[in-house]
N, C-alpha and C. Protein backbone atom coordinates (compact mmCIF):
# COMPACT_ATOMS: atom_id res chain seq x y z
N UNK A 1 97.63 -12.72 -151.73
CA UNK A 1 98.63 -11.69 -151.62
C UNK A 1 99.99 -12.30 -151.36
N UNK A 2 100.99 -11.65 -151.79
CA UNK A 2 102.34 -12.16 -151.67
C UNK A 2 103.10 -11.35 -150.63
N UNK A 3 103.76 -12.02 -149.69
CA UNK A 3 104.58 -11.33 -148.70
C UNK A 3 105.92 -10.98 -149.34
N UNK A 4 106.37 -9.74 -149.11
CA UNK A 4 107.67 -9.34 -149.65
C UNK A 4 108.42 -8.56 -148.59
N UNK A 5 109.71 -8.58 -148.65
CA UNK A 5 110.55 -7.72 -147.83
C UNK A 5 111.00 -6.57 -148.71
N UNK A 6 110.80 -5.35 -148.27
CA UNK A 6 111.16 -4.19 -149.08
C UNK A 6 112.48 -3.66 -148.56
N UNK A 7 113.49 -3.63 -149.41
CA UNK A 7 114.82 -3.23 -148.99
C UNK A 7 115.14 -1.78 -149.24
N UNK A 8 114.31 -1.08 -149.98
CA UNK A 8 114.55 0.34 -150.14
C UNK A 8 113.25 1.02 -150.52
N UNK A 9 113.19 2.31 -150.33
CA UNK A 9 112.01 3.07 -150.65
C UNK A 9 111.67 2.93 -152.12
N UNK A 10 112.68 2.82 -152.99
CA UNK A 10 112.45 2.66 -154.42
C UNK A 10 111.63 1.40 -154.69
N UNK A 11 111.96 0.32 -154.03
CA UNK A 11 111.22 -0.94 -154.22
C UNK A 11 109.79 -0.79 -153.75
N UNK A 12 109.59 -0.08 -152.64
CA UNK A 12 108.24 0.12 -152.12
C UNK A 12 107.40 0.93 -153.10
N UNK A 13 107.98 2.01 -153.62
CA UNK A 13 107.25 2.83 -154.57
C UNK A 13 106.97 2.09 -155.87
N UNK A 14 107.94 1.31 -156.33
CA UNK A 14 107.76 0.52 -157.55
C UNK A 14 106.64 -0.48 -157.36
N UNK A 15 106.62 -1.14 -156.22
CA UNK A 15 105.58 -2.13 -155.95
C UNK A 15 104.21 -1.48 -155.90
N UNK A 16 104.12 -0.32 -155.26
CA UNK A 16 102.83 0.35 -155.15
C UNK A 16 102.36 0.86 -156.50
N UNK A 17 103.25 1.38 -157.31
CA UNK A 17 102.84 1.95 -158.58
C UNK A 17 102.54 0.90 -159.63
N UNK A 18 103.14 -0.29 -159.54
CA UNK A 18 102.92 -1.30 -160.56
C UNK A 18 101.60 -2.01 -160.37
N UNK A 19 101.09 -2.07 -159.13
CA UNK A 19 99.84 -2.77 -158.86
C UNK A 19 99.99 -4.28 -158.85
N UNK A 20 101.16 -4.79 -159.16
CA UNK A 20 101.35 -6.24 -159.28
C UNK A 20 101.76 -6.88 -157.96
N UNK A 21 102.27 -6.10 -157.04
CA UNK A 21 102.79 -6.66 -155.81
C UNK A 21 102.15 -5.91 -154.64
N UNK A 22 101.84 -6.64 -153.56
CA UNK A 22 101.27 -6.04 -152.38
C UNK A 22 102.24 -6.22 -151.22
N UNK A 23 102.37 -5.21 -150.39
CA UNK A 23 103.19 -5.33 -149.18
C UNK A 23 102.27 -5.68 -148.02
N UNK A 24 102.61 -6.68 -147.27
CA UNK A 24 101.78 -7.09 -146.15
C UNK A 24 102.68 -7.51 -145.01
N UNK A 25 102.22 -7.36 -143.78
CA UNK A 25 102.99 -7.74 -142.63
C UNK A 25 103.78 -6.57 -142.12
N UNK A 26 104.87 -6.83 -141.44
CA UNK A 26 105.67 -5.77 -140.85
C UNK A 26 106.85 -5.46 -141.75
N UNK A 27 106.99 -4.19 -142.07
CA UNK A 27 108.14 -3.69 -142.80
C UNK A 27 108.84 -2.74 -141.85
N UNK A 28 110.14 -2.93 -141.63
CA UNK A 28 110.91 -2.10 -140.72
C UNK A 28 111.64 -1.01 -141.49
N UNK A 29 111.48 0.21 -141.02
CA UNK A 29 112.19 1.34 -141.60
C UNK A 29 113.37 1.60 -140.68
N UNK A 30 114.58 1.39 -141.19
CA UNK A 30 115.78 1.46 -140.36
C UNK A 30 116.72 2.54 -140.84
N UNK A 31 117.47 3.08 -139.90
CA UNK A 31 118.52 4.04 -140.23
C UNK A 31 119.83 3.28 -140.27
N UNK A 32 120.54 3.38 -141.39
CA UNK A 32 121.81 2.65 -141.50
C UNK A 32 122.95 3.47 -140.88
N UNK A 33 124.14 2.91 -140.89
CA UNK A 33 125.30 3.55 -140.26
C UNK A 33 125.63 4.90 -140.87
N UNK A 34 125.29 5.10 -142.14
CA UNK A 34 125.56 6.37 -142.81
C UNK A 34 124.43 7.38 -142.63
N UNK A 35 123.36 6.99 -141.90
CA UNK A 35 122.25 7.90 -141.65
C UNK A 35 121.13 7.80 -142.67
N UNK A 36 121.30 6.95 -143.70
CA UNK A 36 120.26 6.78 -144.70
C UNK A 36 119.18 5.83 -144.21
N UNK A 37 118.02 5.86 -144.85
CA UNK A 37 116.91 4.99 -144.47
C UNK A 37 116.86 3.78 -145.39
N UNK A 38 116.47 2.64 -144.82
CA UNK A 38 116.22 1.46 -145.63
C UNK A 38 114.95 0.80 -145.11
N UNK A 39 114.23 0.11 -145.99
CA UNK A 39 113.01 -0.59 -145.65
C UNK A 39 113.27 -2.07 -145.84
N UNK A 40 112.93 -2.88 -144.83
CA UNK A 40 113.25 -4.30 -144.90
C UNK A 40 112.22 -5.11 -144.14
N UNK A 41 112.15 -6.40 -144.47
CA UNK A 41 111.19 -7.30 -143.86
C UNK A 41 111.65 -7.89 -142.55
N UNK A 42 112.88 -7.60 -142.12
CA UNK A 42 113.41 -8.12 -140.86
C UNK A 42 113.76 -6.95 -139.95
N UNK A 43 113.83 -7.20 -138.63
CA UNK A 43 114.18 -6.11 -137.71
C UNK A 43 115.53 -5.49 -138.07
N UNK A 44 115.71 -4.26 -137.64
CA UNK A 44 116.94 -3.53 -137.92
C UNK A 44 118.13 -4.23 -137.28
N UNK A 45 119.29 -4.13 -137.93
CA UNK A 45 120.53 -4.70 -137.39
C UNK A 45 120.89 -3.97 -136.10
N UNK A 46 121.71 -4.61 -135.28
CA UNK A 46 122.06 -4.02 -133.99
C UNK A 46 122.78 -2.69 -134.14
N UNK A 47 123.55 -2.53 -135.18
CA UNK A 47 124.28 -1.28 -135.35
C UNK A 47 123.45 -0.21 -136.04
N UNK A 48 122.22 -0.56 -136.42
CA UNK A 48 121.33 0.42 -137.04
C UNK A 48 120.28 0.84 -136.04
N UNK A 49 119.77 2.04 -136.21
CA UNK A 49 118.76 2.56 -135.30
C UNK A 49 117.37 2.30 -135.88
N UNK A 50 116.50 1.54 -135.17
CA UNK A 50 115.15 1.35 -135.69
C UNK A 50 114.39 2.67 -135.63
N UNK A 51 113.71 3.01 -136.71
CA UNK A 51 112.96 4.25 -136.76
C UNK A 51 111.49 3.99 -136.49
N UNK A 52 110.91 3.00 -137.16
CA UNK A 52 109.52 2.64 -136.92
C UNK A 52 109.22 1.32 -137.61
N UNK A 53 108.07 0.76 -137.32
CA UNK A 53 107.61 -0.41 -138.05
C UNK A 53 106.29 -0.06 -138.69
N UNK A 54 105.95 -0.77 -139.72
CA UNK A 54 104.81 -0.41 -140.53
C UNK A 54 103.97 -1.65 -140.72
N UNK A 55 102.77 -1.67 -140.16
CA UNK A 55 101.89 -2.82 -140.25
C UNK A 55 100.66 -2.48 -141.08
N UNK A 56 100.86 -2.03 -142.28
CA UNK A 56 99.73 -1.68 -143.14
C UNK A 56 99.95 -2.31 -144.50
N UNK A 57 98.89 -2.87 -145.06
CA UNK A 57 98.96 -3.41 -146.41
C UNK A 57 98.50 -2.31 -147.35
N UNK A 58 99.24 -2.09 -148.42
CA UNK A 58 98.89 -1.03 -149.37
C UNK A 58 98.85 -1.62 -150.76
N UNK A 59 97.97 -1.06 -151.60
CA UNK A 59 98.00 -1.46 -153.00
C UNK A 59 97.70 -0.27 -153.88
N UNK A 60 97.80 -0.47 -155.16
CA UNK A 60 97.74 0.63 -156.12
C UNK A 60 96.34 1.20 -156.31
N UNK A 61 95.28 0.54 -155.84
CA UNK A 61 93.96 1.11 -156.05
C UNK A 61 93.57 2.04 -154.90
N UNK A 62 94.54 2.58 -154.22
CA UNK A 62 94.32 3.55 -153.15
C UNK A 62 93.44 2.99 -152.05
N UNK A 63 93.90 1.91 -151.49
CA UNK A 63 93.22 1.23 -150.39
C UNK A 63 94.27 0.92 -149.34
N UNK A 64 93.95 1.21 -148.09
CA UNK A 64 94.87 0.99 -146.99
C UNK A 64 94.19 0.08 -145.98
N UNK A 65 94.87 -0.95 -145.52
CA UNK A 65 94.35 -1.85 -144.50
C UNK A 65 95.25 -1.74 -143.28
N UNK A 66 94.66 -1.37 -142.14
CA UNK A 66 95.40 -1.24 -140.89
C UNK A 66 94.99 -2.37 -139.96
N UNK A 67 95.95 -2.92 -139.27
CA UNK A 67 95.71 -3.99 -138.31
C UNK A 67 95.49 -3.40 -136.92
N UNK A 68 94.52 -3.94 -136.19
CA UNK A 68 94.23 -3.51 -134.84
C UNK A 68 95.42 -3.79 -133.93
N UNK A 69 95.80 -2.83 -133.12
CA UNK A 69 96.92 -2.96 -132.20
C UNK A 69 96.41 -3.22 -130.79
N UNK A 70 97.33 -3.58 -129.90
CA UNK A 70 96.97 -3.76 -128.50
C UNK A 70 96.30 -2.49 -127.99
N UNK A 71 95.33 -2.65 -127.14
CA UNK A 71 94.60 -1.50 -126.62
C UNK A 71 93.43 -1.12 -127.50
N UNK A 72 93.25 -1.82 -128.63
CA UNK A 72 92.10 -1.57 -129.50
C UNK A 72 92.21 -0.34 -130.36
N UNK A 73 93.44 0.07 -130.71
CA UNK A 73 93.64 1.26 -131.52
C UNK A 73 94.25 0.91 -132.88
N UNK A 74 94.03 1.81 -133.83
CA UNK A 74 94.66 1.71 -135.15
C UNK A 74 95.66 2.85 -135.28
N UNK A 75 96.82 2.52 -135.85
CA UNK A 75 97.88 3.50 -136.08
C UNK A 75 98.29 3.44 -137.55
N UNK A 76 98.77 4.57 -138.07
CA UNK A 76 99.27 4.59 -139.44
C UNK A 76 100.53 5.46 -139.51
N UNK A 77 101.59 4.91 -140.11
CA UNK A 77 102.80 5.68 -140.35
C UNK A 77 102.50 6.72 -141.41
N UNK A 78 103.00 7.91 -141.20
CA UNK A 78 102.65 9.05 -142.04
C UNK A 78 103.84 10.00 -142.17
N UNK A 79 103.62 11.05 -142.94
CA UNK A 79 104.58 12.15 -143.05
C UNK A 79 103.79 13.45 -143.05
N UNK A 80 104.29 14.44 -142.32
CA UNK A 80 103.77 15.79 -142.48
C UNK A 80 104.96 16.66 -142.83
N UNK A 81 104.85 17.34 -143.96
CA UNK A 81 105.95 18.19 -144.44
C UNK A 81 107.28 17.45 -144.39
N UNK A 82 107.31 16.20 -144.86
CA UNK A 82 108.50 15.35 -144.93
C UNK A 82 109.00 14.88 -143.57
N UNK A 83 108.26 15.11 -142.50
CA UNK A 83 108.63 14.62 -141.16
C UNK A 83 107.85 13.35 -140.88
N UNK A 84 108.53 12.19 -140.72
CA UNK A 84 107.81 10.95 -140.44
C UNK A 84 107.22 10.94 -139.03
N UNK A 85 106.03 10.38 -138.91
CA UNK A 85 105.39 10.23 -137.61
C UNK A 85 104.35 9.12 -137.70
N UNK A 86 103.84 8.73 -136.56
CA UNK A 86 102.87 7.65 -136.47
C UNK A 86 101.60 8.23 -135.87
N UNK A 87 100.52 8.28 -136.69
CA UNK A 87 99.23 8.81 -136.22
C UNK A 87 98.40 7.72 -135.56
N UNK A 88 97.69 8.07 -134.50
CA UNK A 88 96.61 7.28 -133.95
C UNK A 88 95.35 7.70 -134.71
N UNK A 89 94.62 6.75 -135.27
CA UNK A 89 93.36 7.06 -135.94
C UNK A 89 92.36 7.40 -134.84
N UNK A 90 91.82 8.63 -134.85
CA UNK A 90 90.94 9.08 -133.76
C UNK A 90 89.67 9.70 -134.33
N UNK A 91 88.60 8.89 -134.39
CA UNK A 91 87.32 9.38 -134.92
C UNK A 91 86.66 10.34 -133.94
N UNK A 92 87.19 10.47 -132.73
CA UNK A 92 86.66 11.42 -131.76
C UNK A 92 87.35 12.78 -131.83
N UNK A 93 88.40 12.89 -132.64
CA UNK A 93 89.11 14.16 -132.79
C UNK A 93 88.52 14.92 -133.98
N UNK A 94 88.14 16.15 -133.76
CA UNK A 94 87.54 16.97 -134.83
C UNK A 94 88.55 17.23 -135.94
N UNK A 95 89.78 17.54 -135.55
CA UNK A 95 90.82 17.85 -136.53
C UNK A 95 92.07 17.02 -136.25
N UNK A 96 92.99 17.06 -137.16
CA UNK A 96 94.32 16.49 -136.93
C UNK A 96 94.93 17.26 -135.77
N UNK A 97 95.50 16.54 -134.82
CA UNK A 97 96.13 17.17 -133.65
C UNK A 97 97.58 16.73 -133.57
N UNK A 98 98.46 17.69 -133.41
CA UNK A 98 99.90 17.44 -133.45
C UNK A 98 100.53 17.89 -132.14
N UNK A 99 101.37 17.05 -131.52
CA UNK A 99 102.11 17.49 -130.33
C UNK A 99 103.08 18.63 -130.70
N UNK A 100 103.38 19.49 -129.73
CA UNK A 100 104.25 20.63 -129.96
C UNK A 100 105.60 20.23 -130.53
N UNK A 101 106.23 19.18 -129.99
CA UNK A 101 107.56 18.77 -130.47
C UNK A 101 107.52 18.34 -131.93
N UNK A 102 106.48 17.63 -132.33
CA UNK A 102 106.34 17.20 -133.72
C UNK A 102 106.11 18.41 -134.62
N UNK A 103 105.27 19.33 -134.16
CA UNK A 103 104.99 20.54 -134.95
C UNK A 103 106.27 21.34 -135.18
N UNK A 104 107.09 21.46 -134.15
CA UNK A 104 108.35 22.19 -134.29
C UNK A 104 109.26 21.50 -135.30
N UNK A 105 109.38 20.17 -135.20
CA UNK A 105 110.23 19.42 -136.12
C UNK A 105 109.73 19.49 -137.56
N UNK A 106 108.41 19.62 -137.74
CA UNK A 106 107.82 19.68 -139.09
C UNK A 106 107.67 21.11 -139.59
N UNK A 107 108.21 22.06 -138.85
CA UNK A 107 108.19 23.48 -139.22
C UNK A 107 106.77 24.02 -139.36
N UNK A 108 105.88 23.57 -138.48
CA UNK A 108 104.53 24.12 -138.45
C UNK A 108 104.53 25.35 -137.57
N UNK A 109 103.78 26.37 -137.98
CA UNK A 109 103.74 27.60 -137.19
C UNK A 109 102.33 27.81 -136.65
N UNK A 110 102.26 28.48 -135.53
CA UNK A 110 100.98 28.83 -134.93
C UNK A 110 100.39 29.99 -135.72
N UNK A 111 99.24 29.73 -136.34
CA UNK A 111 98.58 30.78 -137.12
C UNK A 111 97.59 31.56 -136.27
N UNK A 112 97.04 30.88 -135.24
CA UNK A 112 96.04 31.54 -134.40
C UNK A 112 95.91 30.76 -133.09
N UNK A 113 95.96 31.45 -131.97
CA UNK A 113 95.73 30.82 -130.67
C UNK A 113 94.25 30.45 -130.56
N UNK A 114 93.99 29.31 -129.93
CA UNK A 114 92.62 28.85 -129.76
C UNK A 114 92.53 27.99 -128.50
N UNK A 115 91.33 27.66 -128.10
CA UNK A 115 91.12 26.68 -127.04
C UNK A 115 90.37 25.51 -127.66
N UNK A 116 90.66 24.31 -127.16
CA UNK A 116 90.03 23.11 -127.68
C UNK A 116 89.48 22.27 -126.53
N UNK A 117 88.44 21.51 -126.83
CA UNK A 117 87.89 20.57 -125.86
C UNK A 117 88.54 19.22 -126.10
N UNK A 118 89.20 18.70 -125.08
CA UNK A 118 89.86 17.40 -125.18
C UNK A 118 89.23 16.44 -124.19
N UNK A 119 89.65 15.20 -124.25
CA UNK A 119 89.17 14.21 -123.29
C UNK A 119 89.55 14.60 -121.87
N UNK A 120 90.61 15.41 -121.72
CA UNK A 120 91.06 15.86 -120.40
C UNK A 120 90.56 17.26 -120.06
N UNK A 121 89.62 17.80 -120.83
CA UNK A 121 89.09 19.13 -120.57
C UNK A 121 89.55 20.14 -121.60
N UNK A 122 89.35 21.40 -121.29
CA UNK A 122 89.71 22.49 -122.19
C UNK A 122 91.22 22.73 -122.13
N UNK A 123 91.82 22.94 -123.30
CA UNK A 123 93.27 23.16 -123.39
C UNK A 123 93.56 24.29 -124.37
N UNK A 124 94.68 24.96 -124.17
CA UNK A 124 95.16 25.96 -125.11
C UNK A 124 95.85 25.25 -126.25
N UNK A 125 95.67 25.77 -127.46
CA UNK A 125 96.27 25.16 -128.65
C UNK A 125 96.46 26.25 -129.69
N UNK A 126 97.06 25.85 -130.80
CA UNK A 126 97.25 26.74 -131.94
C UNK A 126 96.64 26.11 -133.18
N UNK A 127 96.03 26.92 -134.01
CA UNK A 127 95.60 26.45 -135.32
C UNK A 127 96.78 26.56 -136.26
N UNK A 128 96.91 25.58 -137.16
CA UNK A 128 98.01 25.58 -138.12
C UNK A 128 97.52 24.91 -139.41
N UNK A 129 98.34 24.97 -140.42
CA UNK A 129 98.04 24.29 -141.68
C UNK A 129 99.23 23.42 -142.05
N UNK A 130 98.96 22.14 -142.30
CA UNK A 130 99.99 21.21 -142.75
C UNK A 130 100.05 21.30 -144.26
N UNK A 131 101.21 21.67 -144.80
CA UNK A 131 101.35 21.81 -146.25
C UNK A 131 101.08 20.50 -146.98
N UNK A 132 101.71 19.41 -146.54
CA UNK A 132 101.52 18.09 -147.16
C UNK A 132 101.42 17.03 -146.06
N UNK A 133 100.34 16.27 -146.09
CA UNK A 133 100.13 15.15 -145.17
C UNK A 133 100.00 13.90 -146.02
N UNK A 134 100.85 12.91 -145.74
CA UNK A 134 100.84 11.65 -146.48
C UNK A 134 100.60 10.52 -145.49
N UNK A 135 99.61 9.67 -145.78
CA UNK A 135 99.45 8.43 -145.03
C UNK A 135 99.02 7.36 -146.01
N UNK A 136 99.70 6.21 -145.93
CA UNK A 136 99.45 5.15 -146.91
C UNK A 136 99.65 5.73 -148.30
N UNK A 137 98.73 5.42 -149.23
CA UNK A 137 98.86 5.93 -150.60
C UNK A 137 98.23 7.31 -150.79
N UNK A 138 97.78 7.94 -149.72
CA UNK A 138 97.03 9.18 -149.82
C UNK A 138 97.90 10.40 -149.53
N UNK A 139 97.75 11.42 -150.36
CA UNK A 139 98.48 12.68 -150.21
C UNK A 139 97.45 13.80 -150.14
N UNK A 140 97.49 14.57 -149.05
CA UNK A 140 96.58 15.69 -148.86
C UNK A 140 97.39 16.97 -148.74
N UNK A 141 96.86 18.05 -149.25
CA UNK A 141 97.52 19.35 -149.21
C UNK A 141 96.72 20.32 -148.35
N UNK A 142 97.43 21.21 -147.68
CA UNK A 142 96.84 22.30 -146.89
C UNK A 142 95.77 21.80 -145.92
N UNK A 143 96.19 20.93 -145.02
CA UNK A 143 95.30 20.31 -144.04
C UNK A 143 95.27 21.12 -142.75
N UNK A 144 94.06 21.49 -142.31
CA UNK A 144 93.90 22.19 -141.03
C UNK A 144 94.27 21.24 -139.89
N UNK A 145 94.96 21.79 -138.89
CA UNK A 145 95.37 20.99 -137.73
C UNK A 145 95.49 21.89 -136.52
N UNK A 146 95.59 21.26 -135.37
CA UNK A 146 95.88 22.01 -134.15
C UNK A 146 97.19 21.51 -133.57
N UNK A 147 97.93 22.43 -133.00
CA UNK A 147 99.15 22.09 -132.26
C UNK A 147 98.77 22.10 -130.79
N UNK A 148 98.93 20.97 -130.15
CA UNK A 148 98.53 20.83 -128.75
C UNK A 148 99.78 20.57 -127.91
N UNK A 149 100.17 21.51 -127.05
CA UNK A 149 101.41 21.35 -126.28
C UNK A 149 101.35 20.24 -125.23
N UNK A 150 100.17 19.75 -124.87
CA UNK A 150 100.07 18.69 -123.86
C UNK A 150 99.87 17.31 -124.47
N UNK A 151 99.80 17.23 -125.78
CA UNK A 151 99.55 15.97 -126.48
C UNK A 151 100.85 15.19 -126.65
N UNK A 152 100.79 13.86 -126.49
CA UNK A 152 101.96 13.01 -126.69
C UNK A 152 101.92 12.28 -128.03
N UNK A 153 100.74 11.95 -128.52
CA UNK A 153 100.57 11.13 -129.72
C UNK A 153 99.85 11.93 -130.80
N UNK A 154 100.39 12.03 -132.03
CA UNK A 154 99.65 12.68 -133.11
C UNK A 154 98.34 11.95 -133.39
N UNK A 155 97.28 12.72 -133.63
CA UNK A 155 95.95 12.16 -133.88
C UNK A 155 95.50 12.50 -135.29
N UNK A 156 95.05 11.50 -136.04
CA UNK A 156 94.48 11.73 -137.36
C UNK A 156 92.98 11.88 -137.15
N UNK A 157 92.48 13.11 -137.25
CA UNK A 157 91.10 13.43 -136.90
C UNK A 157 90.13 13.42 -138.07
N UNK A 158 88.89 13.75 -137.75
CA UNK A 158 87.79 13.64 -138.70
C UNK A 158 87.88 14.59 -139.88
N UNK A 159 88.57 15.72 -139.77
CA UNK A 159 88.68 16.59 -140.94
C UNK A 159 89.41 15.90 -142.08
N UNK A 160 90.23 14.90 -141.78
CA UNK A 160 90.88 14.08 -142.81
C UNK A 160 90.06 12.82 -143.07
N UNK A 161 89.68 12.12 -142.01
CA UNK A 161 89.01 10.83 -142.17
C UNK A 161 87.69 10.92 -142.93
N UNK A 162 86.95 12.03 -142.80
CA UNK A 162 85.67 12.17 -143.48
C UNK A 162 85.81 12.24 -145.00
N UNK A 163 87.01 12.42 -145.48
CA UNK A 163 87.25 12.48 -146.92
C UNK A 163 87.39 11.09 -147.55
N UNK A 164 87.33 10.04 -146.71
CA UNK A 164 87.57 8.68 -147.17
C UNK A 164 86.42 7.76 -146.78
N UNK A 165 86.36 6.64 -147.48
CA UNK A 165 85.45 5.57 -147.12
C UNK A 165 86.18 4.71 -146.11
N UNK A 166 85.58 4.52 -144.93
CA UNK A 166 86.23 3.75 -143.87
C UNK A 166 85.30 2.65 -143.40
N UNK A 167 85.83 1.45 -143.30
CA UNK A 167 85.05 0.34 -142.76
C UNK A 167 85.96 -0.47 -141.84
N UNK A 168 85.32 -1.23 -140.97
CA UNK A 168 86.07 -2.07 -140.04
C UNK A 168 85.50 -3.47 -140.10
N UNK A 169 86.37 -4.45 -140.29
CA UNK A 169 86.00 -5.85 -140.31
C UNK A 169 86.97 -6.61 -139.44
N UNK A 170 86.43 -7.39 -138.51
CA UNK A 170 87.25 -8.13 -137.57
C UNK A 170 88.27 -7.22 -136.95
N UNK A 171 89.54 -7.47 -137.15
CA UNK A 171 90.60 -6.68 -136.55
C UNK A 171 91.31 -5.81 -137.59
N UNK A 172 90.57 -5.36 -138.60
CA UNK A 172 91.15 -4.55 -139.67
C UNK A 172 90.30 -3.33 -139.94
N UNK A 173 90.97 -2.21 -140.20
CA UNK A 173 90.30 -1.00 -140.67
C UNK A 173 90.70 -0.82 -142.13
N UNK A 174 89.70 -0.62 -142.99
CA UNK A 174 89.92 -0.41 -144.42
C UNK A 174 89.64 1.06 -144.73
N UNK A 175 90.60 1.73 -145.33
CA UNK A 175 90.47 3.11 -145.73
C UNK A 175 90.69 3.18 -147.23
N UNK A 176 89.72 3.76 -147.94
CA UNK A 176 89.85 3.87 -149.40
C UNK A 176 89.31 5.22 -149.86
N UNK A 177 89.71 5.58 -151.08
CA UNK A 177 89.25 6.84 -151.67
C UNK A 177 87.75 6.72 -151.95
N UNK A 178 87.06 7.82 -151.82
CA UNK A 178 85.61 7.86 -152.13
C UNK A 178 85.41 7.90 -153.62
């Protein structure tokens, strides 16, 4: 595989669609002085605001490789309804779970009040539907989710993960289309 620095979203999309180039390592998504986003292989400049970093290798055959992070967790940069966020991969979560602040920013609405069982006990939540959920090369439509007002980290749950082939080797999680 070849390491590349991606300087704009266009280059990232071109690389993914051509199948000839693979992105590996850390790619920084930065906000420039004019408020636009750029993707680059080096940390954001001091006058730019770092938005997130991306430690996933992607290729055109719809395969995503995530690197194990400190604490033994896997994370994936994603978008819900064009709102960028970073999901924790959670095989213990029945559904995608979204913190209230993220849900508000992504224009998700409460469709039905519900209670959910969490690691911290029973909690009040809302059922919602995510119009478009994107992670790695995968795009899903009309995804069931819960809005949890006490949650801090978005969780990518089993209602999404069960749709993919998932394996773990050493310190990597491999996610591919079935």
